[in-house]
Structures are given as structure tokens and as C-alpha cells.
C-alpha atoms as a PDB file:
ATOM      1  CA  UNK A   1      -7.722  12.068  13.023  1.00  0.00           C
ATOM      2  CA  UNK A   2      -4.092  12.233  14.223  1.00  0.00           C
ATOM      3  CA  UNK A   3      -4.422   8.707  15.570  1.00  0.00           C
ATOM      4  CA  UNK A   4      -5.700   7.453  12.187  1.00  0.00           C
ATOM      5  CA  UNK A   5      -2.915   9.277  10.326  1.00  0.00           C
ATOM      6  CA  UNK A   6      -0.287   7.643  12.564  1.00  0.00           C
ATOM      7  CA  UNK A   7      -1.696   4.179  11.856  1.00  0.00           C
ATOM      8  CA  UNK A   8      -1.769   4.995   8.141  1.00  0.00           C
ATOM      9  CA  UNK A   9       1.820   6.287   8.240  1.00  0.00           C
ATOM     10  CA  UNK A  10       3.304   3.224   9.900  1.00  0.00           C
ATOM     11  CA  UNK A  11       1.235   0.889   7.730  1.00  0.00           C
ATOM     12  CA  UNK A  12       2.613   2.441   4.537  1.00  0.00           C
ATOM     13  CA  UNK A  13       6.138   2.381   5.985  1.00  0.00           C
ATOM     14  CA  UNK A  14       5.852  -1.358   6.639  1.00  0.00           C
ATOM     15  CA  UNK A  15       4.452  -1.686   3.118  1.00  0.00           C
ATOM     16  CA  UNK A  16       7.590  -0.087   1.628  1.00  0.00           C
ATOM     17  CA  UNK A  17       9.955  -2.040   3.894  1.00  0.00           C
ATOM     18  CA  UNK A  18       8.274  -5.230   2.641  1.00  0.00           C
ATOM     19  CA  UNK A  19       9.077  -4.252  -0.957  1.00  0.00           C
ATOM     20  CA  UNK A  20      12.702  -3.571  -0.060  1.00  0.00           C
ATOM     21  CA  UNK A  21      13.072  -6.717   2.056  1.00  0.00           C
ATOM     22  CA  UNK A  22      11.805  -9.015  -0.693  1.00  0.00           C
ATOM     23  CA  UNK A  23      14.048  -7.250  -3.213  1.00  0.00           C
ATOM     24  CA  UNK A  24      16.981  -7.776  -0.827  1.00  0.00           C
ATOM     25  CA  UNK A  25      16.078 -11.465  -0.453  1.00  0.00           C
ATOM     26  CA  UNK A  26      16.132 -11.708  -4.249  1.00  0.00           C
ATOM     27  CA  UNK A  27      19.658 -10.270  -4.370  1.00  0.00           C
ATOM     28  CA  UNK A  28      19.032  -6.513  -4.726  1.00  0.00           C
ATOM     29  CA  UNK A  29      20.904  -4.502  -2.034  1.00  0.00           C
ATOM     30  CA  UNK A  30      19.698  -1.094  -3.295  1.00  0.00           C
ATOM     31  CA  UNK A  31      17.048  -0.420  -0.631  1.00  0.00           C
ATOM     32  CA  UNK A  32      19.293  -1.672   2.189  1.00  0.00           C
ATOM     33  CA  UNK A  33      22.235   0.469   1.044  1.00  0.00           C
ATOM     34  CA  UNK A  34      19.899   3.489   0.857  1.00  0.00           C
ATOM     35  CA  UNK A  35      18.917   2.920   4.501  1.00  0.00           C
ATOM     36  CA  UNK A  36      15.289   2.238   3.594  1.00  0.00           C
ATOM     37  CA  UNK A  37      14.863  -1.058   5.486  1.00  0.00           C
ATOM     38  CA  UNK A  38      14.266   1.041   8.586  1.00  0.00           C
ATOM     39  CA  UNK A  39      11.142   2.015  10.574  1.00  0.00           C
ATOM     40  CA  UNK A  40      12.307   5.638  10.913  1.00  0.00           C
ATOM     41  CA  UNK A  41       9.384   7.608   9.368  1.00  0.00           C
ATOM     42  CA  UNK A  42      11.644  10.431   8.170  1.00  0.00           C
ATOM     43  CA  UNK A  43      13.325   8.068   5.701  1.00  0.00           C
ATOM     44  CA  UNK A  44      10.013   7.153   4.086  1.00  0.00           C
ATOM     45  CA  UNK A  45       7.917  10.337   4.009  1.00  0.00           C
ATOM     46  CA  UNK A  46       6.707  11.388   0.578  1.00  0.00           C
ATOM     47  CA  UNK A  47       5.622  15.073   0.457  1.00  0.00           C
ATOM     48  CA  UNK A  48       2.548  14.307  -1.650  1.00  0.00           C
ATOM     49  CA  UNK A  49       1.517  10.792  -0.612  1.00  0.00           C
ATOM     50  CA  UNK A  50       2.402  10.959   3.096  1.00  0.00           C
ATOM     51  CA  UNK A  51       1.532  14.570   3.923  1.00  0.00           C
ATOM     52  CA  UNK A  52      -0.460  16.595   1.360  1.00  0.00           C
ATOM     53  CA  UNK A  53      -2.839  13.891   0.139  1.00  0.00           C
ATOM     54  CA  UNK A  54      -3.874  12.580   3.609  1.00  0.00           C
ATOM     55  CA  UNK A  55      -4.206  16.185   4.843  1.00  0.00           C
ATOM     56  CA  UNK A  56      -6.485  17.266   1.986  1.00  0.00           C
ATOM     57  CA  UNK A  57      -8.530  14.070   2.178  1.00  0.00           C
ATOM     58  CA  UNK A  58      -9.080  14.645   5.897  1.00  0.00           C
ATOM     59  CA  UNK A  59     -10.239  18.226   5.147  1.00  0.00           C
ATOM     60  CA  UNK A  60     -12.664  16.901   2.549  1.00  0.00           C
ATOM     61  CA  UNK A  61     -14.059  14.487   5.119  1.00  0.00           C
ATOM     62  CA  UNK A  62     -13.531  11.503   2.860  1.00  0.00           C
ATOM     63  CA  UNK A  63     -11.602   8.297   3.431  1.00  0.00           C
ATOM     64  CA  UNK A  64      -7.893   8.930   4.011  1.00  0.00           C
ATOM     65  CA  UNK A  65      -5.347   7.087   1.912  1.00  0.00           C
ATOM     66  CA  UNK A  66      -1.708   7.706   1.030  1.00  0.00           C
ATOM     67  CA  UNK A  67       1.670   6.290   0.195  1.00  0.00           C
ATOM     68  CA  UNK A  68       5.289   6.532   1.308  1.00  0.00           C
ATOM     69  CA  UNK A  69       8.327   7.339  -0.813  1.00  0.00           C
ATOM     70  CA  UNK A  70       8.911   4.219  -2.928  1.00  0.00           C
ATOM     71  CA  UNK A  71      11.973   2.208  -1.940  1.00  0.00           C
ATOM     72  CA  UNK A  72      14.658   2.130  -4.645  1.00  0.00           C
ATOM     73  CA  UNK A  73      14.694  -1.196  -6.496  1.00  0.00           C
ATOM     74  CA  UNK A  74      17.100  -2.436  -9.178  1.00  0.00           C
ATOM     75  CA  UNK A  75      15.634  -5.521 -10.917  1.00  0.00           C
ATOM     76  CA  UNK A  76      18.988  -6.191 -12.607  1.00  0.00           C
ATOM     77  CA  UNK A  77      20.158  -7.700  -9.305  1.00  0.00           C
ATOM     78  CA  UNK A  78      17.246 -10.132  -9.015  1.00  0.00           C
ATOM     79  CA  UNK A  79      18.173 -13.802  -9.029  1.00  0.00           C
ATOM     80  CA  UNK A  80      14.662 -14.484 -10.320  1.00  0.00           C
ATOM     81  CA  UNK A  81      14.550 -12.360 -13.459  1.00  0.00           C
ATOM     82  CA  UNK A  82      11.215 -13.787 -14.621  1.00  0.00           C
ATOM     83  CA  UNK A  83       9.080 -13.238 -11.523  1.00  0.00           C
ATOM     84  CA  UNK A  84      11.247 -11.032  -9.319  1.00  0.00           C
ATOM     85  CA  UNK A  85       9.398  -7.791 -10.045  1.00  0.00           C
ATOM     86  CA  UNK A  86       6.052  -9.507  -9.503  1.00  0.00           C
ATOM     87  CA  UNK A  87       7.179 -10.826  -6.097  1.00  0.00           C
ATOM     88  CA  UNK A  88       8.482  -7.413  -5.015  1.00  0.00           C
ATOM     89  CA  UNK A  89       5.301  -5.665  -6.218  1.00  0.00           C
ATOM     90  CA  UNK A  90       3.034  -8.059  -4.317  1.00  0.00           C
ATOM     91  CA  UNK A  91       5.114  -7.855  -1.120  1.00  0.00           C
ATOM     92  CA  UNK A  92       3.724  -4.445  -0.105  1.00  0.00           C
ATOM     93  CA  UNK A  93      -0.002  -5.241  -0.335  1.00  0.00           C
ATOM     94  CA  UNK A  94       0.594  -8.688   1.196  1.00  0.00           C
ATOM     95  CA  UNK A  95       2.318  -7.066   4.184  1.00  0.00           C
ATOM     96  CA  UNK A  96      -0.797  -4.930   4.759  1.00  0.00           C
ATOM     97  CA  UNK A  97      -3.114  -7.929   4.439  1.00  0.00           C
ATOM     98  CA  UNK A  98      -0.884  -9.846   6.879  1.00  0.00           C
ATOM     99  CA  UNK A  99      -1.057  -7.047   9.471  1.00  0.00           C
ATOM    100  CA  UNK A 100      -4.850  -6.941   9.040  1.00  0.00           C
ATOM    101  CA  UNK A 101      -5.076 -10.719   9.458  1.00  0.00           C
ATOM    102  CA  UNK A 102      -2.942 -10.747  12.630  1.00  0.00           C
ATOM    103  CA  UNK A 103      -5.002  -8.002  14.284  1.00  0.00           C
ATOM    104  CA  UNK A 104      -8.192  -9.557  12.934  1.00  0.00           C
ATOM    105  CA  UNK A 105      -7.435 -12.894  14.585  1.00  0.00           C
ATOM    106  CA  UNK A 106      -6.609 -11.111  17.850  1.00  0.00           C
ATOM    107  CA  UNK A 107      -9.958  -9.295  17.718  1.00  0.00           C
ATOM    108  CA  UNK A 108     -11.798 -12.484  16.758  1.00  0.00           C
ATOM    109  CA  UNK A 109     -10.426 -14.783  19.440  1.00  0.00           C
ATOM    110  CA  UNK A 110      -9.257 -12.586  22.328  1.00  0.00           C
ATOM    111  CA  UNK A 111     -11.518 -10.491  24.526  1.00  0.00           C
ATOM    112  CA  UNK A 112     -10.010  -7.009  24.375  1.00  0.00           C
ATOM    113  CA  UNK A 113     -10.522  -3.804  26.355  1.00  0.00           C
ATOM    114  CA  UNK A 114     -12.658  -1.312  24.427  1.00  0.00           C
ATOM    115  CA  UNK A 115      -9.717   1.058  23.833  1.00  0.00           C
ATOM    116  CA  UNK A 116      -7.512  -1.625  22.261  1.00  0.00           C
ATOM    117  CA  UNK A 117     -10.450  -2.967  20.243  1.00  0.00           C
ATOM    118  CA  UNK A 118     -10.847   0.504  18.715  1.00  0.00           C
ATOM    119  CA  UNK A 119      -7.139   0.637  17.812  1.00  0.00           C
ATOM    120  CA  UNK A 120      -7.190  -2.883  16.371  1.00  0.00           C
ATOM    121  CA  UNK A 121     -10.285  -2.104  14.296  1.00  0.00           C
ATOM    122  CA  UNK A 122      -8.657   0.959  12.711  1.00  0.00           C
ATOM    123  CA  UNK A 123      -5.460  -1.032  12.035  1.00  0.00           C
ATOM    124  CA  UNK A 124      -7.450  -3.789  10.318  1.00  0.00           C
ATOM    125  CA  UNK A 125      -9.605  -1.414   8.253  1.00  0.00           C
ATOM    126  CA  UNK A 126      -6.731   0.733   6.996  1.00  0.00           C
ATOM    127  CA  UNK A 127      -4.401  -2.150   6.206  1.00  0.00           C
ATOM    128  CA  UNK A 128      -7.085  -3.935   4.198  1.00  0.00           C
ATOM    129  CA  UNK A 129      -7.868  -0.660   2.410  1.00  0.00           C
ATOM    130  CA  UNK A 130      -4.169  -0.007   1.715  1.00  0.00           C
ATOM    131  CA  UNK A 131      -3.707  -3.498   0.313  1.00  0.00           C
ATOM    132  CA  UNK A 132      -6.722  -3.143  -1.986  1.00  0.00           C
ATOM    133  CA  UNK A 133      -5.824   0.418  -3.021  1.00  0.00           C
ATOM    134  CA  UNK A 134      -2.275  -0.548  -3.963  1.00  0.00           C
ATOM    135  CA  UNK A 135      -3.503  -3.415  -6.134  1.00  0.00           C
ATOM    136  CA  UNK A 136      -5.399  -1.006  -8.413  1.00  0.00           C
ATOM    137  CA  UNK A 137      -3.593  -1.344 -11.788  1.00  0.00           C
ATOM    138  CA  UNK A 138      -2.831   2.376 -12.166  1.00  0.00           C
ATOM    139  CA  UNK A 139       0.799   3.524 -12.280  1.00  0.00           C
ATOM    140  CA  UNK A 140       2.659   4.001  -9.937  1.00  0.00           C
ATOM    141  CA  UNK A 141       0.592   1.741  -7.645  1.00  0.00           C
ATOM    142  CA  UNK A 142       1.763  -1.841  -7.108  1.00  0.00           C
ATOM    143  CA  UNK A 143      -1.129  -3.172  -9.170  1.00  0.00           C
ATOM    144  CA  UNK A 144       0.369  -1.582 -12.280  1.00  0.00           C
ATOM    145  CA  UNK A 145       3.689  -3.375 -11.698  1.00  0.00           C
ATOM    146  CA  UNK A 146       1.840  -6.656 -11.163  1.00  0.00           C
ATOM    147  CA  UNK A 147       0.016  -6.020 -14.446  1.00  0.00           C
ATOM    148  CA  UNK A 148       3.278  -5.144 -16.244  1.00  0.00           C
ATOM    149  CA  UNK A 149       4.891  -8.375 -15.014  1.00  0.00           C
ATOM    150  CA  UNK A 150       1.989 -10.452 -16.348  1.00  0.00           C
ATOM    151  CA  UNK A 151       1.425  -8.714 -19.682  1.00  0.00           C
ATOM    152  CA  UNK A 152       3.292 -10.106 -22.710  1.00  0.00           C
ATOM    153  CA  UNK A 153       5.809  -7.936 -24.562  1.00  0.00           C
ATOM    154  CA  UNK A 154       3.314  -6.925 -27.269  1.00  0.00           C
ATOM    155  CA  UNK A 155       1.604  -4.641 -24.719  1.00  0.00           C
ATOM    156  CA  UNK A 156       4.697  -2.414 -24.411  1.00  0.00           C
ATOM    157  CA  UNK A 157       2.826   0.560 -25.903  1.00  0.00           C
ATOM    158  CA  UNK A 158       0.026   0.146 -23.354  1.00  0.00           C
ATOM    159  CA  UNK A 159       2.577  -0.003 -20.526  1.00  0.00           C
ATOM    160  CA  UNK A 160       4.159   3.259 -21.723  1.00  0.00           C
ATOM    161  CA  UNK A 161       0.716   4.879 -21.829  1.00  0.00           C
ATOM    162  CA  UNK A 162      -0.009   3.847 -18.224  1.00  0.00           C
ATOM    163  CA  UNK A 163       3.386   5.090 -17.044  1.00  0.00           C
ATOM    164  CA  UNK A 164       2.972   8.433 -18.836  1.00  0.00           C
ATOM    165  CA  UNK A 165      -0.574   9.176 -17.659  1.00  0.00           C
ATOM    166  CA  UNK A 166      -0.883   6.990 -14.576  1.00  0.00           C
ATOM    167  CA  UNK A 167      -0.418   9.667 -11.938  1.00  0.00           C
ATOM    168  CA  UNK A 168      -3.031  11.905 -13.579  1.00  0.00           C
ATOM    169  CA  UNK A 169      -5.420   8.932 -13.731  1.00  0.00           C
ATOM    170  CA  UNK A 170      -4.768   8.239 -10.049  1.00  0.00           C
ATOM    171  CA  UNK A 171      -5.544  11.830  -9.007  1.00  0.00           C
ATOM    172  CA  UNK A 172      -8.631  11.735 -11.204  1.00  0.00           C
ATOM    173  CA  UNK A 173      -9.787   8.560  -9.439  1.00  0.00           C
ATOM    174  CA  UNK A 174      -9.198  10.023  -5.980  1.00  0.00           C
ATOM    175  CA  UNK A 175     -10.559  13.545  -6.417  1.00  0.00           C
ATOM    176  CA  UNK A 176     -12.776  13.772  -9.525  1.00  0.00           C
ATOM    177  CA  UNK A 177     -14.795  10.578  -9.859  1.00  0.00           C
ATOM    178  CA  UNK A 178     -17.765  10.664  -7.453  1.00  0.00           C
ATOM    179  CA  UNK A 179     -17.131   8.320  -4.515  1.00  0.00           C
ATOM    180  CA  UNK A 180     -13.775   7.483  -6.157  1.00  0.00           C
ATOM    181  CA  UNK A 181     -12.213   5.508  -3.297  1.00  0.00           C
ATOM    182  CA  UNK A 182     -15.337   4.811  -1.260  1.00  0.00           C
ATOM    183  CA  UNK A 183     -15.577   1.334  -2.788  1.00  0.00           C
ATOM    184  CA  UNK A 184     -12.121   0.509  -1.362  1.00  0.00           C
ATOM    185  CA  UNK A 185     -13.259   1.299   2.168  1.00  0.00           C
ATOM    186  CA  UNK A 186     -16.678  -0.325   1.689  1.00  0.00           C
ATOM    187  CA  UNK A 187     -14.942  -3.549   0.667  1.00  0.00           C
ATOM    188  CA  UNK A 188     -12.443  -3.217   3.528  1.00  0.00           C
ATOM    189  CA  UNK A 189     -15.337  -2.679   5.947  1.00  0.00           C
ATOM    190  CA  UNK A 190     -17.085  -5.822   4.675  1.00  0.00           C
ATOM    191  CA  UNK A 191     -13.923  -7.844   5.326  1.00  0.00           C
ATOM    192  CA  UNK A 192     -13.466  -6.185   8.730  1.00  0.00           C
ATOM    193  CA  UNK A 193     -16.987  -7.223   9.726  1.00  0.00           C
ATOM    194  CA  UNK A 194     -15.993 -10.884   9.338  1.00  0.00           C
ATOM    195  CA  UNK A 195     -13.581 -10.473  12.272  1.00  0.00           C
ATOM    196  CA  UNK A 196     -16.076  -8.576  14.423  1.00  0.00           C
ATOM    197  CA  UNK A 197     -18.893 -11.145  14.256  1.00  0.00           C
END
């Protein structure tokens, strides 16, 4: 369990650094000036998403998911005002999918000792799951920001509704709906199996 939590922690840290790095590449220095383009876990821990949620999910025996403290972003700095927020929002999930792909190719084409194969398998599974989870269009997940960037201005009322009630909807999805996040891990496991064949 501790081993899984450590993989989850560093995966969500890389996820947040990816957001900040793309924002920085687009001209926004906010995350860099806040010291958030750093692998130091203490700079990224979120009391709810990094500690309480994974802890309670592990007690419940269900799949463990979480998030780090979001990196500060100021879209006013973006050189690409039209698609900048979309690029930054997608950077986090894409970083997780990239990690999963790298480890997946290692597993697929290199004969590994059993111990490293176990590590690589957990890394692949959790990074795929994190990428999928964060693309769910519920605020404050990245999927909601992707949705906001694509929706025309006439959906402003709908955006406000998602922002106002998004966190409650997210908790409802995780804890109330039967098998709420199981589908995320079932899908991640299906993708993982492609590398293990």
C-alpha cells in the first residue's frame, strides 16, 4: 500500500509540474516563481487530494486515486490566448499517459526481473488511471478546463454551475455512486494488458 501511494504521489507531482511547465513555455512565470516546477513533494501536497482521500480510499479497499495542490496559473500571460488554457489543461493527463507509455514499452520489449516488472506494472496502471480520471469533465479536474476551453461563450451559465457544484459532484462520484471509479481502473487495466501480452 505504501509503495502504491508513493507511485501515486510522484505521478501526480509530475502531472502538476507538466501543467506549470507548459504554462511557463506559453509565457506564464507564475508556477516557476512560486517554486512549483520542482519534484520536492512538500511543495505539491494537497491535504485532501494527496493525503486524506488516498488514505480513506485505501481503508475502504477500493481503487486509490488523488491529486496534488494545483500549480498557480495566470492565463493573462499566455502568448496563445485562444488555446493556451486547453494546452495547459491537457499537459497533466498527457504527462501521465507518456509515463505509462514509456514503462509500457519497457515491459513489452525488455525482459525484466520480476521485482521491476511489478513496479513497472503499478506505474503503468496508475498513470493510465490518473490520466483518465483527470479527463473527467467535472470541476476542478482537467477535463472540466478542457470542456470550458471548447465550449462557446453562450454556455457561461453552465460553466458557472460546474464550478459551483463540481467538487460536490466529484465527491459524489468517488464515494456515493456504486463502483464510482471502478470503470477508470477497469479501462486502465485493459490498456495495461496490451503491454503485458
